[in-house]
Amino acid sequence: MKPIISASILSADFSRLGDEVRSVLKAGADWIHFDVMDNHYVPNLTIGPLVCEALRKDGVTAPIDVHLMVSPVDRLVGDFAKAGATGISFHPEATGHVDRTIQLIRDSGCSPGLVLNPATPVNWLDYVIEKLDLILVMSVNPGFAGQKFIPSALQKLADVRKRIAACGKDIHLEVDGGIKVENAAEVARAGANAIVSGSAIFGSQDYTATVAAMRRQIEAGAGR
């Protein structure tokens, strides 16, 4: 699958968010990543559907990759779908009925994804993997930007990649947390085809150079 760079706006300058999003897309990012936190499921509070809607009204047409770190989940699915989300991912621990939430996302016109925290077992995928379009492996504990990459995520990525291959469906394998140019090849080698990066991109002096370097590393890790 095509390597994808999803730029997390959690690390963007919110005083000029529209400009930041346009700049990072012009620099070569493929998706815009929304880290939605509720100060309940995770100890932080970030953004909601209104921000997604505002970016769409401002002319952003790129895929918006929504990661819900909220509990309960279902109430926000419809709101983000109406606001213009392309895909919506959620944590299985945060909802009472994983299969129902996946179907709700699909019925809302969005691509469903399931998120695995560092200590979340991959067997959550046993009964739902064929219903997913994306699996997101967290390489940090969710809640804050700028955290250090947890190395055990590499084995989890490899395990999930095997499951994707076995099910025979094209499913994006995404990784989020502490991803930089320096470890992009490593996570791609482990099986990720989509990487989320926030501070490494938005904290750099040259978005274009950083995104290009990251893409080269992903392609090298994937053997392209």
Protein backbone atom coordinates (compact mmCIF):
# COMPACT_ATOMS: atom_id res chain seq x y z
CA MET A 1 0.00 0.00 0.00
CA LYS A 2 1.08 3.57 -0.64
CA PRO A 3 3.08 5.13 2.24
CA ILE A 4 0.98 7.73 4.03
CA ILE A 5 2.07 10.58 6.27
CA SER A 6 -0.70 11.86 8.51
CA ALA A 7 0.23 15.19 10.08
CA SER A 8 -1.14 15.55 13.62
CA ILE A 9 -2.45 19.05 14.25
CA LEU A 10 -2.05 18.51 18.00
CA SER A 11 1.40 20.05 17.54
CA ALA A 12 0.33 22.81 15.15
CA ASP A 13 0.05 26.50 16.00
CA PHE A 14 -3.68 26.80 16.73
CA SER A 15 -3.59 30.57 16.42
CA ARG A 16 -3.22 30.04 12.66
CA LEU A 17 -4.49 26.52 12.20
CA GLY A 18 -5.84 26.95 8.67
CA ASP A 19 -2.48 28.23 7.44
CA GLU A 20 -0.65 25.43 9.26
CA VAL A 21 -2.83 22.76 7.66
CA ARG A 22 -2.42 24.23 4.19
CA SER A 23 1.35 24.50 4.71
CA VAL A 24 1.78 20.91 5.81
CA LEU A 25 -0.34 19.61 2.94
CA LYS A 26 1.65 21.71 0.47
CA ALA A 27 4.78 20.22 2.06
CA GLY A 28 3.61 16.74 1.05
CA ALA A 29 1.58 15.34 3.94
CA ASP A 30 -1.20 13.02 2.77
CA TRP A 31 -3.70 13.18 5.63
CA ILE A 32 -4.53 15.53 8.49
CA HIS A 33 -4.71 13.73 11.83
CA PHE A 34 -7.14 14.85 14.55
CA ASP A 35 -6.30 13.83 18.13
CA VAL A 36 -9.64 14.15 19.92
CA MET A 37 -9.28 13.96 23.72
CA ASP A 38 -12.01 14.33 26.34
CA ASN A 39 -10.21 14.64 29.72
CA HIS A 40 -12.01 11.42 30.66
CA TYR A 41 -10.66 8.51 28.63
CA VAL A 42 -7.32 10.36 28.48
CA PRO A 43 -6.00 13.12 30.76
CA ASN A 44 -6.19 15.96 28.25
CA LEU A 45 -8.79 18.04 26.42
CA THR A 46 -8.34 19.02 22.80
CA ILE A 47 -10.66 19.60 19.83
CA GLY A 48 -14.10 18.66 18.58
CA PRO A 49 -16.14 18.47 15.37
CA LEU A 50 -16.36 22.25 14.98
CA VAL A 51 -12.65 22.41 14.18
CA CYS A 52 -13.05 19.72 11.54
CA GLU A 53 -16.00 21.56 10.04
CA ALA A 54 -14.09 24.86 10.06
CA LEU A 55 -11.19 23.34 8.10
CA ARG A 56 -13.58 21.91 5.52
CA LYS A 57 -15.28 25.29 5.15
CA ASP A 58 -11.82 26.84 4.78
CA GLY A 59 -11.23 24.70 1.71
CA VAL A 60 -9.27 21.72 3.09
CA THR A 61 -10.08 18.71 0.90
CA ALA A 62 -7.43 16.24 2.09
CA PRO A 63 -8.52 13.20 4.10
CA ILE A 64 -9.13 14.01 7.78
CA ASP A 65 -8.04 11.11 9.96
CA VAL A 66 -9.97 11.36 13.27
CA HIS A 67 -8.63 9.51 16.30
CA LEU A 68 -11.23 9.49 19.08
CA MET A 69 -9.66 9.23 22.53
CA VAL A 70 -13.06 9.61 24.18
CA SER A 71 -15.56 7.58 26.16
CA PRO A 72 -18.32 7.01 25.24
CA VAL A 73 -17.54 6.95 21.52
CA ASP A 74 -20.80 6.70 19.61
CA ARG A 75 -22.18 10.16 20.35
CA LEU A 76 -19.30 11.84 18.51
CA VAL A 77 -19.25 9.57 15.46
CA GLY A 78 -22.18 11.25 13.73
CA ASP A 79 -20.95 14.72 14.65
CA PHE A 80 -17.53 14.15 13.10
CA ALA A 81 -19.01 12.47 10.05
CA LYS A 82 -21.24 15.50 9.44
CA ALA A 83 -18.25 17.79 10.04
CA GLY A 84 -16.29 16.17 7.21
CA ALA A 85 -14.20 13.38 8.74
CA THR A 86 -12.89 10.81 6.27
CA GLY A 87 -11.98 8.08 8.75
CA ILE A 88 -12.80 7.63 12.44
CA SER A 89 -10.76 5.41 14.76
CA PHE A 90 -11.56 4.53 18.35
CA HIS A 91 -10.27 2.50 21.28
CA PRO A 92 -12.08 -0.80 21.99
CA GLU A 93 -11.88 -0.19 25.75
CA ALA A 94 -13.82 3.06 25.32
CA THR A 95 -17.05 1.60 23.95
CA GLY A 96 -19.49 -1.00 25.17
CA HIS A 97 -19.96 -2.70 21.80
CA VAL A 98 -16.99 -2.66 19.44
CA ASP A 99 -18.77 -4.25 16.49
CA ARG A 100 -21.70 -1.82 16.79
CA THR A 101 -19.41 1.21 16.85
CA ILE A 102 -17.53 -0.02 13.77
CA GLN A 103 -20.83 -0.39 11.91
CA LEU A 104 -21.98 3.04 13.11
CA ILE A 105 -18.85 4.62 11.63
CA ARG A 106 -19.36 2.78 8.34
CA ASP A 107 -23.05 3.71 8.21
CA SER A 108 -22.09 7.34 8.83
CA GLY A 109 -20.08 7.33 5.62
CA CYS A 110 -16.62 7.14 7.19
CA SER A 111 -13.88 4.51 7.20
CA PRO A 112 -13.69 2.69 10.56
CA GLY A 113 -10.46 2.11 12.45
CA LEU A 114 -9.54 0.40 15.71
CA VAL A 115 -6.79 1.72 18.00
CA LEU A 116 -4.52 -0.47 20.12
CA ASN A 117 -2.80 1.11 23.11
CA PRO A 118 0.66 -0.13 24.14
CA ALA A 119 -0.87 -2.64 26.59
CA THR A 120 -3.96 -3.50 24.52
CA PRO A 121 -3.78 -7.10 23.23
CA VAL A 122 -4.07 -7.66 19.50
CA ASN A 123 -6.76 -10.31 20.00
CA TRP A 124 -9.34 -7.51 20.02
CA LEU A 125 -9.00 -7.92 16.25
CA ASP A 126 -10.10 -11.57 16.21
CA TYR A 127 -13.76 -10.93 15.41
CA VAL A 128 -13.68 -7.54 13.69
CA ILE A 129 -10.56 -7.23 11.53
CA GLU A 130 -12.41 -7.81 8.25
CA LYS A 131 -14.75 -4.92 9.08
CA LEU A 132 -11.92 -2.41 9.49
CA ASP A 133 -10.21 -0.09 7.01
CA LEU A 134 -7.45 0.95 9.42
CA ILE A 135 -5.70 -0.33 12.52
CA LEU A 136 -3.76 2.19 14.57
CA VAL A 137 -1.00 0.95 16.86
CA MET A 138 -0.12 3.47 19.56
CA SER A 139 3.60 3.72 20.21
CA VAL A 140 3.00 5.97 23.23
CA ASN A 141 0.28 6.01 25.84
CA PRO A 142 -2.42 8.36 24.50
CA GLY A 143 -3.01 11.80 25.93
CA PHE A 144 -0.10 14.09 25.12
CA ALA A 145 2.08 15.17 22.21
CA GLY A 146 5.86 14.89 22.18
CA GLN A 147 6.21 11.57 24.03
CA LYS A 148 9.02 9.07 23.55
CA PHE A 149 8.49 6.08 21.25
CA ILE A 150 7.84 2.76 23.06
CA PRO A 151 10.00 0.09 21.32
CA SER A 152 7.58 -2.80 21.99
CA ALA A 153 5.28 -1.21 19.40
CA LEU A 154 7.53 -2.68 16.70
CA GLN A 155 6.60 -6.25 17.62
CA LYS A 156 2.93 -5.30 17.83
CA LEU A 157 3.10 -3.76 14.36
CA ALA A 158 4.63 -6.96 13.00
CA ASP A 159 1.94 -9.07 14.69
CA VAL A 160 -0.87 -6.91 13.31
CA ARG A 161 0.67 -6.90 9.84
CA LYS A 162 0.58 -10.74 9.86
CA ARG A 163 -3.10 -10.66 10.81
CA ILE A 164 -3.86 -8.22 8.00
CA ALA A 165 -2.05 -10.46 5.51
CA ALA A 166 -3.96 -13.50 6.76
CA CYS A 167 -7.37 -11.85 6.40
CA GLY A 168 -6.62 -10.86 2.79
CA LYS A 169 -8.08 -7.35 2.98
CA ASP A 170 -6.28 -4.09 2.25
CA ILE A 171 -6.20 -2.44 5.68
CA HIS A 172 -4.02 0.53 6.54
CA LEU A 173 -1.65 -0.15 9.43
CA GLU A 174 -0.98 3.16 11.13
CA VAL A 175 1.40 4.02 13.97
CA ASP A 176 1.24 7.05 16.23
CA GLY A 177 3.54 8.33 18.95
CA GLY A 178 7.12 9.54 18.95
CA ILE A 179 7.53 9.09 15.20
CA LYS A 180 10.44 11.04 13.72
CA VAL A 181 12.58 10.91 10.61
CA GLU A 182 15.06 8.81 12.60
CA ASN A 183 12.63 5.93 13.33
CA ALA A 184 10.28 6.15 10.33
CA ALA A 185 12.14 3.40 8.46
CA GLU A 186 12.00 1.15 11.51
CA VAL A 187 8.23 1.32 11.89
CA ALA A 188 7.76 0.84 8.13
CA ARG A 189 10.01 -2.22 8.29
CA ALA A 190 7.80 -3.59 11.07
CA GLY A 191 4.73 -3.26 8.85
CA ALA A 192 3.27 0.23 9.14
CA ASN A 193 2.28 1.90 5.88
CA ALA A 194 0.81 5.02 7.51
CA ILE A 195 2.57 7.10 10.13
CA VAL A 196 1.23 9.89 12.30
CA SER A 197 3.70 12.63 13.11
CA GLY A 198 3.06 15.87 14.94
CA SER A 199 5.92 17.54 16.77
CA ALA A 200 8.56 16.16 14.37
CA ILE A 201 6.85 17.98 11.49
CA PHE A 202 5.29 21.06 13.08
CA GLY A 203 8.34 21.58 15.29
CA SER A 204 10.70 21.63 12.33
CA GLN A 205 11.94 24.70 10.48
CA ASP A 206 11.15 23.27 7.05
CA TYR A 207 7.97 21.20 6.71
CA THR A 208 8.74 20.20 3.14
CA ALA A 209 12.20 18.89 3.94
CA THR A 210 10.95 17.01 7.01
CA VAL A 211 8.03 15.36 5.21
CA ALA A 212 10.26 14.42 2.27
CA ALA A 213 12.91 12.92 4.55
CA MET A 214 10.25 11.00 6.45
CA ARG A 215 8.79 9.62 3.23
CA ARG A 216 12.21 8.50 2.02
CA GLN A 217 12.72 6.63 5.28
CA ILE A 218 9.28 4.96 5.09
CA GLU A 219 9.96 3.85 1.54
CA ALA A 220 13.40 2.55 2.51
CA GLY A 221 11.94 0.62 5.44
CA ALA A 222 9.23 -0.86 3.24
CA GLY A 223 11.82 -1.95 0.69
CA ARG A 224 10.65 0.36 -2.07
